[in-house]
C-alpha atoms as a PDB file:
ATOM      1  CA  GLN A   1     101.273  91.795  84.176  1.00  0.00           C
ATOM      2  CA  VAL A   2     102.080  94.638  87.054  1.00  0.00           C
ATOM      3  CA  GLN A   3      99.920  96.215  89.591  1.00  0.00           C
ATOM      4  CA  LEU A   4     101.648  99.235  91.294  1.00  0.00           C
ATOM      5  CA  ALA A   5     100.818 101.594  94.935  1.00  0.00           C
ATOM      6  CA  GLU A   6     101.868 104.419  96.128  1.00  0.00           C
ATOM      7  CA  SER A   7     102.586 105.747  98.502  1.00  0.00           C
ATOM      8  CA  GLY A   8     103.506 108.555 101.509  1.00  0.00           C
ATOM      9  CA  GLY A   9     102.652 110.902  99.632  1.00  0.00           C
ATOM     10  CA  GLY A  10     101.225 114.524 101.987  1.00  0.00           C
ATOM     11  CA  TRP A  11     101.702 118.255 103.508  1.00  0.00           C
ATOM     12  CA  VAL A  12     104.856 119.553 103.926  1.00  0.00           C
ATOM     13  CA  GLN A  13     106.138 123.286 104.387  1.00  0.00           C
ATOM     14  CA  PRO A  14     107.677 124.774 101.579  1.00  0.00           C
ATOM     15  CA  GLY A  15     111.683 123.662 102.009  1.00  0.00           C
ATOM     16  CA  GLY A  16     111.147 120.475 103.634  1.00  0.00           C
ATOM     17  CA  SER A  17     111.192 116.654 101.968  1.00  0.00           C
ATOM     18  CA  LEU A  18     109.476 114.339 101.631  1.00  0.00           C
ATOM     19  CA  ARG A  19     109.808 110.481 101.292  1.00  0.00           C
ATOM     20  CA  ILE A  20     107.451 108.271  98.790  1.00  0.00           C
ATOM     21  CA  SER A  21     107.152 104.855  97.180  1.00  0.00           C
ATOM     22  CA  CYS A  22     105.962 101.856  95.554  1.00  0.00           C
ATOM     23  CA  VAL A  23     105.463  99.189  95.958  1.00  0.00           C
ATOM     24  CA  ALA A  24     104.643  96.619  93.192  1.00  0.00           C
ATOM     25  CA  SER A  25     102.848  93.644  92.777  1.00  0.00           C
ATOM     26  CA  GLY A  26     102.139  90.619  90.106  1.00  0.00           C
ATOM     27  CA  ARG A  27     105.913  91.003  88.361  1.00  0.00           C
ATOM     28  CA  SER A  28     109.250  91.499  89.766  1.00  0.00           C
ATOM     29  CA  ILE A  29     110.728  95.120  89.182  1.00  0.00           C
ATOM     30  CA  SER A  30     114.191  93.528  88.453  1.00  0.00           C
ATOM     31  CA  SER A  31     113.623  93.429  84.618  1.00  0.00           C
ATOM     32  CA  LEU A  32     111.547  96.545  84.291  1.00  0.00           C
ATOM     33  CA  THR A  33     112.903 100.343  84.341  1.00  0.00           C
ATOM     34  CA  MET A  34     111.037 102.404  86.947  1.00  0.00           C
ATOM     35  CA  GLY A  35     109.435 105.846  86.745  1.00  0.00           C
ATOM     36  CA  TRP A  36     108.322 108.592  88.392  1.00  0.00           C
ATOM     37  CA  PHE A  37     105.830 111.971  87.252  1.00  0.00           C
ATOM     38  CA  ARG A  38     103.346 114.452  88.894  1.00  0.00           C
ATOM     39  CA  GLN A  39     101.328 116.109  87.139  1.00  0.00           C
ATOM     40  CA  SER A  40      98.849 119.506  89.029  1.00  0.00           C
ATOM     41  CA  PRO A  41      95.993 120.557  88.034  1.00  0.00           C
ATOM     42  CA  GLY A  42      95.617 121.626  84.058  1.00  0.00           C
ATOM     43  CA  LYS A  43      98.723 120.869  83.384  1.00  0.00           C
ATOM     44  CA  GLU A  44     100.183 117.655  81.940  1.00  0.00           C
ATOM     45  CA  ARG A  45     101.899 114.259  83.205  1.00  0.00           C
ATOM     46  CA  GLU A  46     105.317 115.242  83.050  1.00  0.00           C
ATOM     47  CA  PHE A  47     108.679 112.975  84.014  1.00  0.00           C
ATOM     48  CA  VAL A  48     109.996 113.357  87.281  1.00  0.00           C
ATOM     49  CA  ALA A  49     112.996 110.797  87.750  1.00  0.00           C
ATOM     50  CA  ALA A  50     113.303 107.567  86.889  1.00  0.00           C
ATOM     51  CA  ALA A  51     115.850 104.464  86.833  1.00  0.00           C
ATOM     52  CA  ARG A  52     117.097 101.150  84.907  1.00  0.00           C
ATOM     53  CA  ARG A  53     117.423  98.604  86.583  1.00  0.00           C
ATOM     54  CA  PHE A  54     121.267  97.095  85.895  1.00  0.00           C
ATOM     55  CA  GLY A  55     121.591 101.610  87.213  1.00  0.00           C
ATOM     56  CA  GLY A  56     121.229 104.963  85.541  1.00  0.00           C
ATOM     57  CA  THR A  57     118.687 106.894  86.547  1.00  0.00           C
ATOM     58  CA  PHE A  58     117.345 110.385  84.827  1.00  0.00           C
ATOM     59  CA  TYR A  59     116.159 113.710  86.763  1.00  0.00           C
ATOM     60  CA  THR A  60     114.974 116.503  84.612  1.00  0.00           C
ATOM     61  CA  ASP A  61     116.834 119.901  85.529  1.00  0.00           C
ATOM     62  CA  SER A  62     113.438 121.094  88.209  1.00  0.00           C
ATOM     63  CA  SER A  63     115.102 117.440  89.700  1.00  0.00           C
ATOM     64  CA  LYS A  64     117.726 116.955  89.238  1.00  0.00           C
ATOM     65  CA  GLY A  65     120.178 117.494  93.309  1.00  0.00           C
ATOM     66  CA  ARG A  66     116.915 117.827  94.879  1.00  0.00           C
ATOM     67  CA  PHE A  67     114.880 114.867  94.304  1.00  0.00           C
ATOM     68  CA  ILE A  68     117.121 111.288  94.683  1.00  0.00           C
ATOM     69  CA  ILE A  69     115.524 107.731  92.636  1.00  0.00           C
ATOM     70  CA  SER A  70     115.878 104.708  94.299  1.00  0.00           C
ATOM     71  CA  ARG A  71     115.034 100.641  93.934  1.00  0.00           C
ATOM     72  CA  ASP A  72     114.871  97.872  96.414  1.00  0.00           C
ATOM     73  CA  ASN A  73     114.485  95.163  93.847  1.00  0.00           C
ATOM     74  CA  ALA A  74     114.246  92.350  96.148  1.00  0.00           C
ATOM     75  CA  LYS A  75     111.553  94.537  98.045  1.00  0.00           C
ATOM     76  CA  ASN A  76     109.404  95.569  94.559  1.00  0.00           C
ATOM     77  CA  THR A  77     109.776  98.220  95.571  1.00  0.00           C
ATOM     78  CA  VAL A  78     110.380 101.974  94.129  1.00  0.00           C
ATOM     79  CA  ASN A  79     111.217 105.616  96.007  1.00  0.00           C
ATOM     80  CA  LEU A  80     110.940 108.968  95.587  1.00  0.00           C
ATOM     81  CA  GLN A  81     113.480 111.230  98.311  1.00  0.00           C
ATOM     82  CA  MET A  82     112.490 114.570  97.582  1.00  0.00           C
ATOM     83  CA  ASN A  83     114.746 117.262  99.625  1.00  0.00           C
ATOM     84  CA  GLY A  84     114.306 121.412  98.970  1.00  0.00           C
ATOM     85  CA  LEU A  85     109.935 121.358  98.124  1.00  0.00           C
ATOM     86  CA  GLU A  86     109.098 124.406  96.423  1.00  0.00           C
ATOM     87  CA  PRO A  87     104.947 124.976  96.088  1.00  0.00           C
ATOM     88  CA  GLU A  88     105.743 124.522  91.965  1.00  0.00           C
ATOM     89  CA  ASP A  89     106.413 120.923  93.068  1.00  0.00           C
ATOM     90  CA  SER A  90     102.692 120.310  94.452  1.00  0.00           C
ATOM     91  CA  ALA A  91     100.940 117.761  92.249  1.00  0.00           C
ATOM     92  CA  VAL A  92      99.539 114.256  92.569  1.00  0.00           C
ATOM     93  CA  TYR A  93     102.628 112.612  91.822  1.00  0.00           C
ATOM     94  CA  TYR A  94     102.100 108.501  90.480  1.00  0.00           C
ATOM     95  CA  CYS A  95     104.321 105.841  89.376  1.00  0.00           C
ATOM     96  CA  ALA A  96     104.613 103.921  85.966  1.00  0.00           C
ATOM     97  CA  ALA A  97     106.888 100.981  84.557  1.00  0.00           C
ATOM     98  CA  ALA A  98     108.691 100.541  81.480  1.00  0.00           C
ATOM     99  CA  PRO A  99     110.301  97.955  79.737  1.00  0.00           C
ATOM    100  CA  SER A 100     113.615  97.451  80.615  1.00  0.00           C
ATOM    101  CA  SER A 101     114.344  98.106  76.805  1.00  0.00           C
ATOM    102  CA  ALA A 102     113.133 102.174  76.609  1.00  0.00           C
ATOM    103  CA  ILE A 103     115.819 104.047  75.508  1.00  0.00           C
ATOM    104  CA  ALA A 104     117.153 106.411  77.426  1.00  0.00           C
ATOM    105  CA  SER A 105     115.967 108.993  75.103  1.00  0.00           C
ATOM    106  CA  ALA A 106     112.046 107.747  75.198  1.00  0.00           C
ATOM    107  CA  LEU A 107     112.332 108.282  79.219  1.00  0.00           C
ATOM    108  CA  ARG A 108     110.112 111.207  79.742  1.00  0.00           C
ATOM    109  CA  SER A 109     107.458 110.775  77.322  1.00  0.00           C
ATOM    110  CA  THR A 110     103.678 109.036  79.145  1.00  0.00           C
ATOM    111  CA  HIS A 111     104.308 106.364  75.954  1.00  0.00           C
ATOM    112  CA  THR A 112     107.053 104.768  77.090  1.00  0.00           C
ATOM    113  CA  TYR A 113     105.415 103.463  80.479  1.00  0.00           C
ATOM    114  CA  ASP A 114     102.657 100.517  80.608  1.00  0.00           C
ATOM    115  CA  ALA A 115     101.758 100.218  84.486  1.00  0.00           C
ATOM    116  CA  TRP A 116     100.448 103.279  86.568  1.00  0.00           C
ATOM    117  CA  GLY A 117      99.614 103.552  90.134  1.00  0.00           C
ATOM    118  CA  GLN A 118      96.687 105.742  91.331  1.00  0.00           C
ATOM    119  CA  GLY A 119      98.640 108.501  92.320  1.00  0.00           C
ATOM    120  CA  THR A 120      99.387 109.625  96.302  1.00  0.00           C
ATOM    121  CA  GLN A 121      99.071 113.445  95.893  1.00  0.00           C
ATOM    122  CA  VAL A 122     101.990 115.407  98.000  1.00  0.00           C
ATOM    123  CA  THR A 123     101.386 118.826  98.502  1.00  0.00           C
ATOM    124  CA  VAL A 124     104.117 121.491  99.657  1.00  0.00           C
ATOM    125  CA  SER A 125     102.622 125.661 101.795  1.00  0.00           C
ATOM    126  CA  SER A 126     103.085 126.763 104.602  1.00  0.00           C
END
């Protein structure tokens, strides 16, 4: 079972950028699909982005063009570069891992992922 640990969250002003990272242990991520989700108070956890092991990235309409997911299989790490941040992006961001066999249409569902990190808080405000 893979263990995931996020880092890099914090406070940033609207329009700013932040990069959050997720380090995996216990198993190589090279055979996994990796994703980022976020959850703000009173809302359900929602999909942000995902990256399959041989390329292929997926975003929402909100994250596409502003966020970039990348993975470094050698370092067992997946990153999320977030640009043009808005107050609506404030949330706890979670890293998650899914089997490589997960189909694209299922990547937006939390049920597809079977390992989760503890989350890192991102706050966007002036």
